[in-house]
């Protein structure tokens, strides 16, 4: 049973998959646009910082991870670094 078969057997997942694909496409377009106005290192650092923060929150809320605060703290340190890059 491959992914295509599973998708055929559960058509209720299609809207979710289409929405996820649209969001990922929009994120890529925004990233490419940001490359035109900011250095690549800054855009990449900001993208990774956002992903780290979202994963910390989702890990705590959805999976009840006990040590999600570590990723949250790392996200704050990364955010400070991005801020220094933008200021500096």
C-alpha atoms as a PDB file:
ATOM      1  CA  UNK A   1       0.000   0.000   0.000  1.00  0.00           C
ATOM      2  CA  UNK A   2       1.680   3.117  -1.247  1.00  0.00           C
ATOM      3  CA  UNK A   3       0.826   6.730  -0.563  1.00  0.00           C
ATOM      4  CA  UNK A   4      -1.349   7.023  -3.665  1.00  0.00           C
ATOM      5  CA  UNK A   5      -3.463   4.075  -2.623  1.00  0.00           C
ATOM      6  CA  UNK A   6      -3.866   5.480   0.873  1.00  0.00           C
ATOM      7  CA  UNK A   7      -4.943   8.823  -0.609  1.00  0.00           C
ATOM      8  CA  UNK A   8      -7.535   7.115  -2.808  1.00  0.00           C
ATOM      9  CA  UNK A   9      -8.895   5.241   0.189  1.00  0.00           C
ATOM     10  CA  UNK A  10      -9.217   8.376   2.324  1.00  0.00           C
ATOM     11  CA  UNK A  11     -10.431  11.235   0.106  1.00  0.00           C
ATOM     12  CA  UNK A  12     -11.132  13.359   3.193  1.00  0.00           C
ATOM     13  CA  UNK A  13      -7.398  14.008   3.424  1.00  0.00           C
ATOM     14  CA  UNK A  14      -7.194  15.725   0.027  1.00  0.00           C
ATOM     15  CA  UNK A  15      -8.231  19.215   1.182  1.00  0.00           C
ATOM     16  CA  UNK A  16      -5.697  19.062   3.995  1.00  0.00           C
ATOM     17  CA  UNK A  17      -2.966  17.956   1.614  1.00  0.00           C
ATOM     18  CA  UNK A  18      -3.871  20.649  -0.911  1.00  0.00           C
ATOM     19  CA  UNK A  19      -3.861  23.321   1.803  1.00  0.00           C
ATOM     20  CA  UNK A  20      -0.475  22.111   3.042  1.00  0.00           C
ATOM     21  CA  UNK A  21       0.934  22.204  -0.472  1.00  0.00           C
ATOM     22  CA  UNK A  22      -0.417  25.706  -1.046  1.00  0.00           C
ATOM     23  CA  UNK A  23       1.092  26.941   2.227  1.00  0.00           C
ATOM     24  CA  UNK A  24       4.453  25.389   1.378  1.00  0.00           C
ATOM     25  CA  UNK A  25       4.370  26.957  -2.085  1.00  0.00           C
ATOM     26  CA  UNK A  26       3.558  30.373  -0.625  1.00  0.00           C
ATOM     27  CA  UNK A  27       6.365  29.994   1.918  1.00  0.00           C
ATOM     28  CA  UNK A  28       8.831  29.205  -0.846  1.00  0.00           C
ATOM     29  CA  UNK A  29       7.733  32.227  -2.876  1.00  0.00           C
ATOM     30  CA  UNK A  30       8.090  34.482   0.168  1.00  0.00           C
ATOM     31  CA  UNK A  31      11.545  33.069   0.836  1.00  0.00           C
ATOM     32  CA  UNK A  32      12.652  33.687  -2.742  1.00  0.00           C
ATOM     33  CA  UNK A  33      11.296  37.234  -2.554  1.00  0.00           C
ATOM     34  CA  UNK A  34      13.139  37.796   0.729  1.00  0.00           C
ATOM     35  CA  UNK A  35      16.388  36.724  -0.945  1.00  0.00           C
ATOM     36  CA  UNK A  36      16.049  39.766  -3.192  1.00  0.00           C
ATOM     37  CA  UNK A  37      15.996  42.249  -0.313  1.00  0.00           C
ATOM     38  CA  UNK A  38      18.008  40.572   2.485  1.00  0.00           C
ATOM     39  CA  UNK A  39      21.191  38.523   2.655  1.00  0.00           C
ATOM     40  CA  UNK A  40      20.640  34.780   2.252  1.00  0.00           C
ATOM     41  CA  UNK A  41      22.144  34.047   5.681  1.00  0.00           C
ATOM     42  CA  UNK A  42      19.639  36.339   7.376  1.00  0.00           C
ATOM     43  CA  UNK A  43      16.658  34.823   5.573  1.00  0.00           C
ATOM     44  CA  UNK A  44      17.828  31.296   6.346  1.00  0.00           C
ATOM     45  CA  UNK A  45      18.424  32.112  10.013  1.00  0.00           C
ATOM     46  CA  UNK A  46      14.972  33.675  10.330  1.00  0.00           C
ATOM     47  CA  UNK A  47      13.356  30.679   8.628  1.00  0.00           C
ATOM     48  CA  UNK A  48      15.079  28.216  10.941  1.00  0.00           C
ATOM     49  CA  UNK A  49      14.218  30.308  13.982  1.00  0.00           C
ATOM     50  CA  UNK A  50      10.541  30.332  13.051  1.00  0.00           C
ATOM     51  CA  UNK A  51      10.550  26.577  12.461  1.00  0.00           C
ATOM     52  CA  UNK A  52      12.221  26.003  15.818  1.00  0.00           C
ATOM     53  CA  UNK A  53       9.621  28.089  17.631  1.00  0.00           C
ATOM     54  CA  UNK A  54       6.693  26.414  15.909  1.00  0.00           C
ATOM     55  CA  UNK A  55       8.079  22.937  16.607  1.00  0.00           C
ATOM     56  CA  UNK A  56       8.536  23.795  20.297  1.00  0.00           C
ATOM     57  CA  UNK A  57       4.950  24.988  20.627  1.00  0.00           C
ATOM     58  CA  UNK A  58       3.475  22.078  18.664  1.00  0.00           C
ATOM     59  CA  UNK A  59       5.620  19.579  20.564  1.00  0.00           C
ATOM     60  CA  UNK A  60       4.279  20.851  23.852  1.00  0.00           C
ATOM     61  CA  UNK A  61       0.652  21.274  22.783  1.00  0.00           C
ATOM     62  CA  UNK A  62       0.136  18.238  20.551  1.00  0.00           C
ATOM     63  CA  UNK A  63       2.588  15.710  21.967  1.00  0.00           C
ATOM     64  CA  UNK A  64       2.882  16.935  25.559  1.00  0.00           C
ATOM     65  CA  UNK A  65       6.672  16.923  25.381  1.00  0.00           C
ATOM     66  CA  UNK A  66       8.204  17.767  28.723  1.00  0.00           C
ATOM     67  CA  UNK A  67      11.407  19.311  27.432  1.00  0.00           C
ATOM     68  CA  UNK A  68       9.903  21.539  24.747  1.00  0.00           C
ATOM     69  CA  UNK A  69      11.135  24.483  26.818  1.00  0.00           C
ATOM     70  CA  UNK A  70      14.682  23.662  25.647  1.00  0.00           C
ATOM     71  CA  UNK A  71      13.722  24.219  22.033  1.00  0.00           C
ATOM     72  CA  UNK A  72      11.823  27.322  23.073  1.00  0.00           C
ATOM     73  CA  UNK A  73      14.916  28.675  24.828  1.00  0.00           C
ATOM     74  CA  UNK A  74      17.050  27.831  21.810  1.00  0.00           C
ATOM     75  CA  UNK A  75      14.525  29.673  19.646  1.00  0.00           C
ATOM     76  CA  UNK A  76      14.894  32.772  21.817  1.00  0.00           C
ATOM     77  CA  UNK A  77      18.672  32.653  21.477  1.00  0.00           C
ATOM     78  CA  UNK A  78      18.322  32.212  17.726  1.00  0.00           C
ATOM     79  CA  UNK A  79      15.863  35.125  17.588  1.00  0.00           C
ATOM     80  CA  UNK A  80      18.385  37.320  19.364  1.00  0.00           C
ATOM     81  CA  UNK A  81      20.983  36.309  16.798  1.00  0.00           C
ATOM     82  CA  UNK A  82      18.677  37.165  13.903  1.00  0.00           C
ATOM     83  CA  UNK A  83      17.926  40.529  15.531  1.00  0.00           C
ATOM     84  CA  UNK A  84      21.653  41.228  15.818  1.00  0.00           C
ATOM     85  CA  UNK A  85      22.126  40.303  12.175  1.00  0.00           C
ATOM     86  CA  UNK A  86      19.365  42.710  11.134  1.00  0.00           C
ATOM     87  CA  UNK A  87      20.674  45.524  13.320  1.00  0.00           C
ATOM     88  CA  UNK A  88      24.208  45.035  12.471  1.00  0.00           C
END
